[in-house]
PDB file of N, CA and C in Angstrom:
ATOM      1  N   UNK A   1     -35.166 -14.570  11.876  1.00  0.00           N
ATOM      2  CA  UNK A   1     -34.902 -13.192  10.876  1.00  0.00           C
ATOM      3  C   UNK A   1     -35.118 -13.918   9.521  1.00  0.00           C
ATOM      4  N   UNK A   2     -36.097 -13.535   8.650  1.00  0.00           N
ATOM      5  CA  UNK A   2     -36.058 -14.240   7.598  1.00  0.00           C
ATOM      6  C   UNK A   2     -34.802 -13.805   6.494  1.00  0.00           C
ATOM      7  N   UNK A   3     -34.700 -15.009   5.651  1.00  0.00           N
ATOM      8  CA  UNK A   3     -33.375 -15.125   4.786  1.00  0.00           C
ATOM      9  C   UNK A   3     -34.058 -15.359   3.266  1.00  0.00           C
ATOM     10  N   UNK A   4     -33.391 -14.452   2.635  1.00  0.00           N
ATOM     11  CA  UNK A   4     -34.026 -14.628   1.180  1.00  0.00           C
ATOM     12  C   UNK A   4     -32.541 -14.685   0.377  1.00  0.00           C
ATOM     13  N   UNK A   5     -32.814 -15.335  -1.114  1.00  0.00           N
ATOM     14  CA  UNK A   5     -32.175 -15.594  -2.034  1.00  0.00           C
ATOM     15  C   UNK A   5     -31.029 -14.735  -2.439  1.00  0.00           C
ATOM     16  N   UNK A   6     -29.972 -15.021  -2.529  1.00  0.00           N
ATOM     17  CA  UNK A   6     -28.963 -14.422  -2.829  1.00  0.00           C
ATOM     18  C   UNK A   6     -29.081 -13.331  -3.768  1.00  0.00           C
ATOM     19  N   UNK A   7     -28.942 -12.148  -3.469  1.00  0.00           N
ATOM     20  CA  UNK A   7     -29.211 -10.677  -4.259  1.00  0.00           C
ATOM     21  C   UNK A   7     -30.395 -10.565  -4.588  1.00  0.00           C
ATOM     22  N   UNK A   8     -31.505 -11.460  -3.818  1.00  0.00           N
ATOM     23  CA  UNK A   8     -32.821 -11.060  -4.310  1.00  0.00           C
ATOM     24  C   UNK A   8     -33.285 -10.343  -3.640  1.00  0.00           C
ATOM     25  N   UNK A   9     -33.606 -10.709  -2.309  1.00  0.00           N
ATOM     26  CA  UNK A   9     -34.712 -10.170  -1.268  1.00  0.00           C
ATOM     27  C   UNK A   9     -36.052 -10.140  -1.773  1.00  0.00           C
ATOM     28  N   UNK A  10     -36.771  -9.019  -1.519  1.00  0.00           N
ATOM     29  CA  UNK A  10     -38.020  -9.064  -1.828  1.00  0.00           C
ATOM     30  C   UNK A  10     -38.270  -8.323  -2.791  1.00  0.00           C
ATOM     31  N   UNK A  11     -39.012  -8.638  -3.582  1.00  0.00           N
ATOM     32  CA  UNK A  11     -39.571  -8.477  -5.189  1.00  0.00           C
ATOM     33  C   UNK A  11     -39.845  -6.781  -5.049  1.00  0.00           C
ATOM     34  N   UNK A  12     -39.388  -5.903  -5.964  1.00  0.00           N
ATOM     35  CA  UNK A  12     -39.373  -4.502  -5.705  1.00  0.00           C
ATOM     36  C   UNK A  12     -41.123  -4.055  -5.415  1.00  0.00           C
ATOM     37  N   UNK A  13     -41.325  -2.995  -4.654  1.00  0.00           N
ATOM     38  CA  UNK A  13     -42.712  -2.602  -4.831  1.00  0.00           C
ATOM     39  C   UNK A  13     -43.367  -3.332  -3.564  1.00  0.00           C
ATOM     40  N   UNK A  14     -42.897  -4.699  -3.006  1.00  0.00           N
ATOM     41  CA  UNK A  14     -43.595  -5.038  -2.030  1.00  0.00           C
ATOM     42  C   UNK A  14     -42.794  -4.757  -0.583  1.00  0.00           C
ATOM     43  N   UNK A  15     -43.656  -4.193   0.244  1.00  0.00           N
ATOM     44  CA  UNK A  15     -43.038  -3.971   1.968  1.00  0.00           C
ATOM     45  C   UNK A  15     -42.069  -4.673   2.427  1.00  0.00           C
ATOM     46  N   UNK A  16     -41.035  -4.244   3.134  1.00  0.00           N
ATOM     47  CA  UNK A  16     -40.503  -5.029   3.976  1.00  0.00           C
ATOM     48  C   UNK A  16     -41.053  -5.742   4.937  1.00  0.00           C
ATOM     49  N   UNK A  17     -40.820  -6.781   5.520  1.00  0.00           N
ATOM     50  CA  UNK A  17     -41.310  -7.279   6.712  1.00  0.00           C
ATOM     51  C   UNK A  17     -41.022  -6.555   7.826  1.00  0.00           C
ATOM     52  N   UNK A  18     -41.533  -6.211   8.776  1.00  0.00           N
ATOM     53  CA  UNK A  18     -40.870  -5.437  10.083  1.00  0.00           C
ATOM     54  C   UNK A  18     -39.993  -6.080  10.982  1.00  0.00           C
ATOM     55  N   UNK A  19     -38.854  -5.848  11.130  1.00  0.00           N
ATOM     56  CA  UNK A  19     -37.734  -6.249  12.141  1.00  0.00           C
ATOM     57  C   UNK A  19     -38.282  -6.371  13.456  1.00  0.00           C
ATOM     58  N   UNK A  20     -38.035  -7.208  14.161  1.00  0.00           N
ATOM     59  CA  UNK A  20     -38.302  -7.206  15.687  1.00  0.00           C
ATOM     60  C   UNK A  20     -36.978  -6.686  16.295  1.00  0.00           C
ATOM     61  N   UNK A  21     -37.603  -5.980  17.250  1.00  0.00           N
ATOM     62  CA  UNK A  21     -36.244  -5.401  18.317  1.00  0.00           C
ATOM     63  C   UNK A  21     -35.210  -6.470  18.837  1.00  0.00           C
ATOM     64  N   UNK A  22     -35.665  -7.679  18.743  1.00  0.00           N
ATOM     65  CA  UNK A  22     -34.737  -9.001  19.467  1.00  0.00           C
ATOM     66  C   UNK A  22     -34.221  -9.272  17.850  1.00  0.00           C
ATOM     67  N   UNK A  23     -34.631  -9.496  16.920  1.00  0.00           N
ATOM     68  CA  UNK A  23     -33.977  -9.698  15.705  1.00  0.00           C
ATOM     69  C   UNK A  23     -32.881  -8.718  15.229  1.00  0.00           C
ATOM     70  N   UNK A  24     -33.125  -7.613  15.475  1.00  0.00           N
ATOM     71  CA  UNK A  24     -32.350  -6.436  15.161  1.00  0.00           C
ATOM     72  C   UNK A  24     -30.938  -6.601  16.133  1.00  0.00           C
ATOM     73  N   UNK A  25     -31.059  -6.544  17.224  1.00  0.00           N
ATOM     74  CA  UNK A  25     -30.151  -6.910  18.318  1.00  0.00           C
ATOM     75  C   UNK A  25     -29.326  -8.000  18.038  1.00  0.00           C
ATOM     76  N   UNK A  26     -30.067  -9.086  17.676  1.00  0.00           N
ATOM     77  CA  UNK A  26     -29.191 -10.465  17.351  1.00  0.00           C
ATOM     78  C   UNK A  26     -28.528 -10.234  16.330  1.00  0.00           C
ATOM     79  N   UNK A  27     -28.964  -9.605  15.127  1.00  0.00           N
ATOM     80  CA  UNK A  27     -27.836  -9.239  14.069  1.00  0.00           C
ATOM     81  C   UNK A  27     -27.140  -8.574  14.234  1.00  0.00           C
ATOM     82  N   UNK A  28     -27.411  -7.418  15.073  1.00  0.00           N
ATOM     83  CA  UNK A  28     -26.268  -6.574  15.430  1.00  0.00           C
ATOM     84  C   UNK A  28     -25.068  -7.147  16.376  1.00  0.00           C
ATOM     85  N   UNK A  29     -25.364  -8.148  17.098  1.00  0.00           N
ATOM     86  CA  UNK A  29     -24.396  -8.902  17.760  1.00  0.00           C
ATOM     87  C   UNK A  29     -23.497  -9.875  17.082  1.00  0.00           C
ATOM     88  N   UNK A  30     -24.116 -10.350  16.137  1.00  0.00           N
ATOM     89  CA  UNK A  30     -23.416 -11.197  14.980  1.00  0.00           C
ATOM     90  C   UNK A  30     -22.420 -10.637  14.140  1.00  0.00           C
ATOM     91  N   UNK A  31     -23.038  -9.320  13.947  1.00  0.00           N
ATOM     92  CA  UNK A  31     -21.970  -8.579  13.153  1.00  0.00           C
ATOM     93  C   UNK A  31     -20.838  -7.894  13.802  1.00  0.00           C
ATOM     94  N   UNK A  32     -21.208  -7.347  15.315  1.00  0.00           N
ATOM     95  CA  UNK A  32     -20.122  -7.356  15.972  1.00  0.00           C
ATOM     96  C   UNK A  32     -19.072  -7.954  16.429  1.00  0.00           C
ATOM     97  N   UNK A  33     -19.364  -9.315  16.586  1.00  0.00           N
ATOM     98  CA  UNK A  33     -18.671 -10.576  16.827  1.00  0.00           C
ATOM     99  C   UNK A  33     -17.656 -10.828  15.847  1.00  0.00           C
ATOM    100  N   UNK A  34     -18.456 -10.648  14.617  1.00  0.00           N
ATOM    101  CA  UNK A  34     -17.284 -11.031  13.040  1.00  0.00           C
ATOM    102  C   UNK A  34     -16.111  -9.492  13.118  1.00  0.00           C
ATOM    103  N   UNK A  35     -16.804  -8.661  13.252  1.00  0.00           N
ATOM    104  CA  UNK A  35     -16.020  -7.647  13.439  1.00  0.00           C
ATOM    105  C   UNK A  35     -14.730  -7.589  14.291  1.00  0.00           C
ATOM    106  N   UNK A  36     -15.191  -8.137  15.682  1.00  0.00           N
ATOM    107  CA  UNK A  36     -14.238  -8.332  16.512  1.00  0.00           C
ATOM    108  C   UNK A  36     -13.012  -9.143  16.152  1.00  0.00           C
ATOM    109  N   UNK A  37     -13.611 -10.386  15.568  1.00  0.00           N
ATOM    110  CA  UNK A  37     -12.695 -11.310  14.827  1.00  0.00           C
ATOM    111  C   UNK A  37     -11.706 -10.620  14.069  1.00  0.00           C
ATOM    112  N   UNK A  38     -12.299 -10.059  13.174  1.00  0.00           N
ATOM    113  CA  UNK A  38     -11.208  -9.311  12.372  1.00  0.00           C
ATOM    114  C   UNK A  38     -10.289  -8.322  12.878  1.00  0.00           C
ATOM    115  N   UNK A  39     -10.823  -7.542  13.648  1.00  0.00           N
ATOM    116  CA  UNK A  39     -10.193  -6.771  14.495  1.00  0.00           C
ATOM    117  C   UNK A  39      -8.855  -7.390  15.048  1.00  0.00           C
ATOM    118  N   UNK A  40      -9.177  -8.428  15.501  1.00  0.00           N
ATOM    119  CA  UNK A  40      -8.131  -9.520  16.701  1.00  0.00           C
ATOM    120  C   UNK A  40      -7.187  -9.908  15.883  1.00  0.00           C
ATOM    121  N   UNK A  41      -7.544 -10.088  14.428  1.00  0.00           N
ATOM    122  CA  UNK A  41      -6.597 -11.208  13.429  1.00  0.00           C
ATOM    123  C   UNK A  41      -5.732  -9.943  13.130  1.00  0.00           C
ATOM    124  N   UNK A  42      -5.843  -8.354  12.907  1.00  0.00           N
ATOM    125  CA  UNK A  42      -5.268  -7.299  12.558  1.00  0.00           C
ATOM    126  C   UNK A  42      -4.449  -6.757  13.424  1.00  0.00           C
ATOM    127  N   UNK A  43      -4.652  -7.331  15.158  1.00  0.00           N
ATOM    128  CA  UNK A  43      -3.789  -6.648  15.999  1.00  0.00           C
ATOM    129  C   UNK A  43      -4.575  -5.354  16.629  1.00  0.00           C
ATOM    130  N   UNK A  44      -5.578  -5.230  16.546  1.00  0.00           N
ATOM    131  CA  UNK A  44      -6.661  -4.086  16.747  1.00  0.00           C
ATOM    132  C   UNK A  44      -7.116  -4.346  18.132  1.00  0.00           C
ATOM    133  N   UNK A  45      -6.300  -4.715  18.835  1.00  0.00           N
ATOM    134  CA  UNK A  45      -6.682  -4.923  20.444  1.00  0.00           C
ATOM    135  C   UNK A  45      -7.978  -3.854  21.086  1.00  0.00           C
ATOM    136  N   UNK A  46      -7.425  -2.966  20.989  1.00  0.00           N
ATOM    137  CA  UNK A  46      -8.365  -1.985  22.241  1.00  0.00           C
ATOM    138  C   UNK A  46      -9.780  -1.866  20.809  1.00  0.00           C
ATOM    139  N   UNK A  47      -9.609  -1.864  19.673  1.00  0.00           N
ATOM    140  CA  UNK A  47     -10.978  -1.954  18.949  1.00  0.00           C
ATOM    141  C   UNK A  47     -11.781  -3.284  18.676  1.00  0.00           C
ATOM    142  N   UNK A  48     -10.981  -4.289  18.913  1.00  0.00           N
ATOM    143  CA  UNK A  48     -11.707  -5.514  19.339  1.00  0.00           C
ATOM    144  C   UNK A  48     -12.598  -5.726  20.681  1.00  0.00           C
ATOM    145  N   UNK A  49     -11.892  -5.088  21.740  1.00  0.00           N
ATOM    146  CA  UNK A  49     -12.391  -5.023  23.215  1.00  0.00           C
ATOM    147  C   UNK A  49     -13.697  -4.363  23.115  1.00  0.00           C
ATOM    148  N   UNK A  50     -13.785  -2.876  22.274  1.00  0.00           N
ATOM    149  CA  UNK A  50     -14.991  -2.207  22.101  1.00  0.00           C
ATOM    150  C   UNK A  50     -16.028  -2.822  21.502  1.00  0.00           C
ATOM    151  N   UNK A  51     -15.492  -3.478  20.532  1.00  0.00           N
ATOM    152  CA  UNK A  51     -16.445  -4.276  19.603  1.00  0.00           C
ATOM    153  C   UNK A  51     -17.124  -5.485  20.620  1.00  0.00           C
ATOM    154  N   UNK A  52     -16.281  -5.775  21.401  1.00  0.00           N
ATOM    155  CA  UNK A  52     -16.735  -7.108  22.477  1.00  0.00           C
ATOM    156  C   UNK A  52     -18.082  -6.551  23.068  1.00  0.00           C
ATOM    157  N   UNK A  53     -17.520  -5.343  23.594  1.00  0.00           N
ATOM    158  CA  UNK A  53     -18.225  -4.800  24.666  1.00  0.00           C
ATOM    159  C   UNK A  53     -19.547  -4.474  23.804  1.00  0.00           C
ATOM    160  N   UNK A  54     -19.937  -3.854  22.929  1.00  0.00           N
ATOM    161  CA  UNK A  54     -20.722  -3.634  22.078  1.00  0.00           C
ATOM    162  C   UNK A  54     -21.587  -4.776  21.621  1.00  0.00           C
ATOM    163  N   UNK A  55     -21.070  -5.807  21.689  1.00  0.00           N
ATOM    164  CA  UNK A  55     -21.659  -7.249  21.194  1.00  0.00           C
ATOM    165  C   UNK A  55     -22.339  -7.666  22.774  1.00  0.00           C
ATOM    166  N   UNK A  56     -21.955  -7.519  23.862  1.00  0.00           N
ATOM    167  CA  UNK A  56     -22.304  -7.416  25.042  1.00  0.00           C
ATOM    168  C   UNK A  56     -23.620  -7.070  25.278  1.00  0.00           C
ATOM    169  N   UNK A  57     -23.482  -5.574  25.048  1.00  0.00           N
ATOM    170  CA  UNK A  57     -24.928  -4.838  25.105  1.00  0.00           C
ATOM    171  C   UNK A  57     -25.780  -5.024  24.263  1.00  0.00           C
ATOM    172  N   UNK A  58     -25.476  -5.748  22.864  1.00  0.00           N
ATOM    173  CA  UNK A  58     -26.412  -6.286  21.665  1.00  0.00           C
ATOM    174  C   UNK A  58     -27.289  -7.370  22.365  1.00  0.00           C
ATOM    175  N   UNK A  59     -26.475  -8.330  22.987  1.00  0.00           N
ATOM    176  CA  UNK A  59     -26.903  -9.638  23.380  1.00  0.00           C
ATOM    177  C   UNK A  59     -27.873  -9.357  24.616  1.00  0.00           C
ATOM    178  N   UNK A  60     -27.646  -8.297  25.431  1.00  0.00           N
ATOM    179  CA  UNK A  60     -28.449  -7.483  26.522  1.00  0.00           C
ATOM    180  C   UNK A  60     -30.038  -7.169  25.964  1.00  0.00           C
ATOM    181  N   UNK A  61     -29.794  -6.436  24.966  1.00  0.00           N
ATOM    182  CA  UNK A  61     -30.911  -6.004  24.320  1.00  0.00           C
ATOM    183  C   UNK A  61     -31.882  -6.916  23.675  1.00  0.00           C
ATOM    184  N   UNK A  62     -31.160  -8.019  23.069  1.00  0.00           N
ATOM    185  CA  UNK A  62     -31.682  -9.104  22.395  1.00  0.00           C
ATOM    186  C   UNK A  62     -32.353  -9.782  23.580  1.00  0.00           C
ATOM    187  N   UNK A  63     -31.664 -10.195  24.697  1.00  0.00           N
ATOM    188  CA  UNK A  63     -32.480 -11.051  25.871  1.00  0.00           C
ATOM    189  C   UNK A  63     -33.535 -10.130  26.406  1.00  0.00           C
ATOM    190  N   UNK A  64     -33.323  -8.716  26.327  1.00  0.00           N
ATOM    191  CA  UNK A  64     -34.642  -7.953  26.842  1.00  0.00           C
ATOM    192  C   UNK A  64     -35.601  -8.127  26.254  1.00  0.00           C
ATOM    193  N   UNK A  65     -35.327  -8.000  24.829  1.00  0.00           N
ATOM    194  CA  UNK A  65     -36.329  -7.964  23.760  1.00  0.00           C
ATOM    195  C   UNK A  65     -37.355  -9.389  23.862  1.00  0.00           C
ATOM    196  N   UNK A  66     -36.451 -10.553  24.032  1.00  0.00           N
ATOM    197  CA  UNK A  66     -37.393 -11.712  24.053  1.00  0.00           C
ATOM    198  C   UNK A  66     -38.115 -11.922  25.593  1.00  0.00           C
ATOM    199  N   UNK A  67     -37.655 -11.119  26.484  1.00  0.00           N
ATOM    200  CA  UNK A  67     -38.677 -11.348  27.739  1.00  0.00           C
ATOM    201  C   UNK A  67     -39.710 -10.680  27.615  1.00  0.00           C
ATOM    202  N   UNK A  68     -39.851  -9.656  26.988  1.00  0.00           N
ATOM    203  CA  UNK A  68     -40.962  -8.940  26.731  1.00  0.00           C
ATOM    204  C   UNK A  68     -42.100  -9.474  26.000  1.00  0.00           C
TER     205      UNK A  68
END
C-alpha cells in the first residue's frame, strides 16, 4: 500500500489510487491487532479475543485475495 508524507496524502484534486482487497484486508488486520494489544493492556479480555478473531478473518481475506 502506498505511503504518503505525514499529514499530506495526495494533493487535493487528484484521485486516490484504488486500494486492492488484499491491501485493505492487510491494513484492517494490522489495525485489529493493534486494538487487541490495547484491549489486553486494559484487561478487556473478551474484547481482545473478539478483535483477535476479526484479525484472523482479515488474514484469511488477505490470503484469499492474494491467491486470486
